Amino acid sequence: MSGSGNMALVHINRATASQLETLPGVSVKLAAEIIKDRPFKNSMDLEKKVSGIGAKNIKKMLPHISFT
């Protein structure tokens, strides 16, 4: 699967809850956890800080997020 440009990158450290909820696997509750635990340096930091996010969700999100 190549980057088709269908979805703009979501800046994980600046996105609103509504923007985060557009990401695969991100619920209202998970979006709130992400916002509460920011900032994140990378995907490992995200997985370590956010309770309940899990490696599978992060893998689905990675093509759609940016940390900078």
N, C-alpha and C. Protein backbone atom coordinates (compact mmCIF):
# COMPACT_ATOMS: atom_id res chain seq x y z
N MET A 1 0.84 -1.17 0.00
CA MET A 1 0.00 0.00 0.00
C MET A 1 0.89 1.24 0.00
N SER A 2 0.81 2.04 -1.01
CA SER A 2 1.61 3.26 -1.07
C SER A 2 0.78 4.42 -0.57
N GLY A 3 1.46 5.53 -0.23
CA GLY A 3 0.75 6.70 0.24
C GLY A 3 -0.09 7.30 -0.86
N SER A 4 -1.38 7.13 -0.77
CA SER A 4 -2.27 7.61 -1.83
C SER A 4 -2.71 9.04 -1.60
N GLY A 5 -2.39 9.60 -0.43
CA GLY A 5 -2.76 10.97 -0.17
C GLY A 5 -4.22 11.15 0.20
N ASN A 6 -4.93 10.07 0.48
CA ASN A 6 -6.34 10.18 0.83
C ASN A 6 -6.55 10.79 2.20
N MET A 7 -5.57 10.69 3.07
CA MET A 7 -5.72 11.17 4.43
C MET A 7 -4.50 12.00 4.80
N ALA A 8 -4.74 13.23 5.27
CA ALA A 8 -3.63 14.08 5.71
C ALA A 8 -3.07 13.51 7.01
N LEU A 9 -1.79 13.73 7.24
CA LEU A 9 -1.18 13.28 8.49
C LEU A 9 -1.77 14.05 9.66
N VAL A 10 -1.99 13.34 10.75
CA VAL A 10 -2.48 13.94 11.98
C VAL A 10 -1.27 14.14 12.89
N HIS A 11 -1.06 15.37 13.34
CA HIS A 11 0.05 15.68 14.24
C HIS A 11 -0.37 15.28 15.65
N ILE A 12 0.13 14.16 16.10
CA ILE A 12 -0.31 13.53 17.35
C ILE A 12 -0.15 14.45 18.56
N ASN A 13 0.83 15.34 18.54
CA ASN A 13 1.08 16.23 19.68
C ASN A 13 0.26 17.51 19.64
N ARG A 14 -0.44 17.78 18.52
CA ARG A 14 -1.21 19.02 18.41
C ARG A 14 -2.66 18.81 18.01
N ALA A 15 -3.02 17.62 17.63
CA ALA A 15 -4.36 17.36 17.10
C ALA A 15 -5.44 17.50 18.17
N THR A 16 -6.62 17.90 17.71
CA THR A 16 -7.79 17.94 18.59
C THR A 16 -8.31 16.52 18.79
N ALA A 17 -9.20 16.37 19.75
CA ALA A 17 -9.81 15.05 19.98
C ALA A 17 -10.53 14.58 18.72
N SER A 18 -11.24 15.47 18.05
CA SER A 18 -11.96 15.10 16.83
C SER A 18 -11.01 14.62 15.74
N GLN A 19 -9.87 15.27 15.61
CA GLN A 19 -8.88 14.85 14.62
C GLN A 19 -8.30 13.48 14.98
N LEU A 20 -8.01 13.27 16.25
CA LEU A 20 -7.47 11.99 16.69
C LEU A 20 -8.46 10.86 16.45
N GLU A 21 -9.74 11.14 16.61
CA GLU A 21 -10.77 10.12 16.43
C GLU A 21 -10.92 9.67 14.98
N THR A 22 -10.33 10.41 14.04
CA THR A 22 -10.36 9.98 12.64
C THR A 22 -9.33 8.88 12.37
N LEU A 23 -8.42 8.67 13.31
CA LEU A 23 -7.38 7.65 13.14
C LEU A 23 -7.94 6.26 13.39
N PRO A 24 -7.42 5.27 12.67
CA PRO A 24 -7.88 3.89 12.87
C PRO A 24 -7.65 3.44 14.31
N GLY A 25 -8.68 2.90 14.95
CA GLY A 25 -8.56 2.35 16.29
C GLY A 25 -8.65 3.35 17.42
N VAL A 26 -8.88 4.64 17.11
CA VAL A 26 -8.92 5.65 18.17
C VAL A 26 -10.37 5.99 18.51
N SER A 27 -10.75 5.67 19.74
CA SER A 27 -12.09 5.97 20.25
C SER A 27 -12.06 7.33 20.95
N VAL A 28 -13.22 7.78 21.39
CA VAL A 28 -13.32 9.02 22.16
C VAL A 28 -12.44 8.92 23.41
N LYS A 29 -12.53 7.80 24.10
CA LYS A 29 -11.75 7.59 25.32
C LYS A 29 -10.24 7.59 25.04
N LEU A 30 -9.84 6.91 23.98
CA LEU A 30 -8.42 6.84 23.65
C LEU A 30 -7.89 8.21 23.21
N ALA A 31 -8.69 8.97 22.48
CA ALA A 31 -8.29 10.33 22.08
C ALA A 31 -8.03 11.18 23.32
N ALA A 32 -8.89 11.06 24.32
CA ALA A 32 -8.71 11.81 25.57
C ALA A 32 -7.42 11.39 26.28
N GLU A 33 -7.12 10.10 26.28
CA GLU A 33 -5.88 9.61 26.89
C GLU A 33 -4.65 10.15 26.16
N ILE A 34 -4.71 10.16 24.83
CA ILE A 34 -3.59 10.67 24.03
C ILE A 34 -3.34 12.13 24.37
N ILE A 35 -4.40 12.93 24.42
CA ILE A 35 -4.26 14.35 24.73
C ILE A 35 -3.70 14.55 26.13
N LYS A 36 -4.18 13.77 27.09
CA LYS A 36 -3.74 13.88 28.49
C LYS A 36 -2.25 13.56 28.64
N ASP A 37 -1.75 12.61 27.87
CA ASP A 37 -0.38 12.12 28.05
C ASP A 37 0.65 12.75 27.12
N ARG A 38 0.26 13.70 26.30
CA ARG A 38 1.21 14.35 25.38
C ARG A 38 2.24 15.16 26.14
N PRO A 39 3.38 15.45 25.53
CA PRO A 39 3.81 15.15 24.16
C PRO A 39 4.49 13.79 24.05
N PHE A 40 4.60 13.33 22.81
CA PHE A 40 5.25 12.06 22.50
C PHE A 40 6.41 12.30 21.55
N LYS A 41 7.50 11.57 21.76
CA LYS A 41 8.67 11.69 20.88
C LYS A 41 8.56 10.79 19.66
N ASN A 42 7.96 9.61 19.86
CA ASN A 42 7.87 8.61 18.80
C ASN A 42 6.83 7.56 19.17
N SER A 43 6.69 6.55 18.34
CA SER A 43 5.65 5.54 18.58
C SER A 43 5.91 4.73 19.86
N MET A 44 7.16 4.50 20.20
CA MET A 44 7.45 3.76 21.44
C MET A 44 7.04 4.58 22.66
N ASP A 45 7.27 5.88 22.60
CA ASP A 45 6.88 6.78 23.67
C ASP A 45 5.35 6.81 23.80
N LEU A 46 4.66 6.84 22.67
CA LEU A 46 3.20 6.81 22.65
C LEU A 46 2.68 5.53 23.31
N GLU A 47 3.26 4.40 22.94
CA GLU A 47 2.82 3.11 23.51
C GLU A 47 3.09 3.04 25.01
N LYS A 48 4.21 3.60 25.44
CA LYS A 48 4.59 3.55 26.84
C LYS A 48 3.69 4.44 27.71
N LYS A 49 3.34 5.62 27.19
CA LYS A 49 2.60 6.60 27.99
C LYS A 49 1.09 6.42 28.00
N VAL A 50 0.52 5.95 26.90
CA VAL A 50 -0.94 5.90 26.77
C VAL A 50 -1.48 4.53 27.18
N SER A 51 -2.19 4.51 28.27
CA SER A 51 -2.77 3.27 28.78
C SER A 51 -3.80 2.72 27.80
N GLY A 52 -3.65 1.45 27.46
CA GLY A 52 -4.64 0.78 26.62
C GLY A 52 -4.51 0.97 25.13
N ILE A 53 -3.47 1.68 24.66
CA ILE A 53 -3.37 1.92 23.22
C ILE A 53 -2.94 0.66 22.47
N GLY A 54 -1.97 -0.06 22.98
CA GLY A 54 -1.55 -1.32 22.38
C GLY A 54 -0.79 -1.18 21.07
N ALA A 55 0.09 -2.12 20.84
CA ALA A 55 0.94 -2.13 19.64
C ALA A 55 0.13 -2.26 18.36
N LYS A 56 -0.96 -3.01 18.39
CA LYS A 56 -1.78 -3.19 17.18
C LYS A 56 -2.40 -1.87 16.73
N ASN A 57 -2.93 -1.10 17.68
CA ASN A 57 -3.50 0.20 17.33
C ASN A 57 -2.43 1.14 16.79
N ILE A 58 -1.29 1.14 17.42
CA ILE A 58 -0.21 2.02 16.96
C ILE A 58 0.20 1.65 15.54
N LYS A 59 0.30 0.37 15.26
CA LYS A 59 0.68 -0.07 13.91
C LYS A 59 -0.33 0.44 12.87
N LYS A 60 -1.62 0.42 13.21
CA LYS A 60 -2.65 0.92 12.30
C LYS A 60 -2.57 2.44 12.13
N MET A 61 -2.18 3.13 13.21
CA MET A 61 -2.13 4.59 13.19
C MET A 61 -0.89 5.15 12.49
N LEU A 62 0.23 4.44 12.58
CA LEU A 62 1.52 4.97 12.13
C LEU A 62 1.53 5.61 10.73
N PRO A 63 0.88 5.01 9.73
CA PRO A 63 0.91 5.65 8.41
C PRO A 63 0.18 7.00 8.36
N HIS A 64 -0.58 7.30 9.40
CA HIS A 64 -1.44 8.48 9.40
C HIS A 64 -1.03 9.56 10.39
N ILE A 65 0.05 9.32 11.16
CA ILE A 65 0.43 10.29 12.20
C ILE A 65 1.84 10.83 12.01
N SER A 66 2.04 11.99 12.62
CA SER A 66 3.35 12.63 12.63
C SER A 66 3.63 13.06 14.07
N PHE A 67 4.89 13.03 14.45
CA PHE A 67 5.27 13.44 15.80
C PHE A 67 5.92 14.82 15.81
N THR A 68 6.16 15.39 14.64
CA THR A 68 6.81 16.70 14.56
C THR A 68 5.92 17.72 13.91
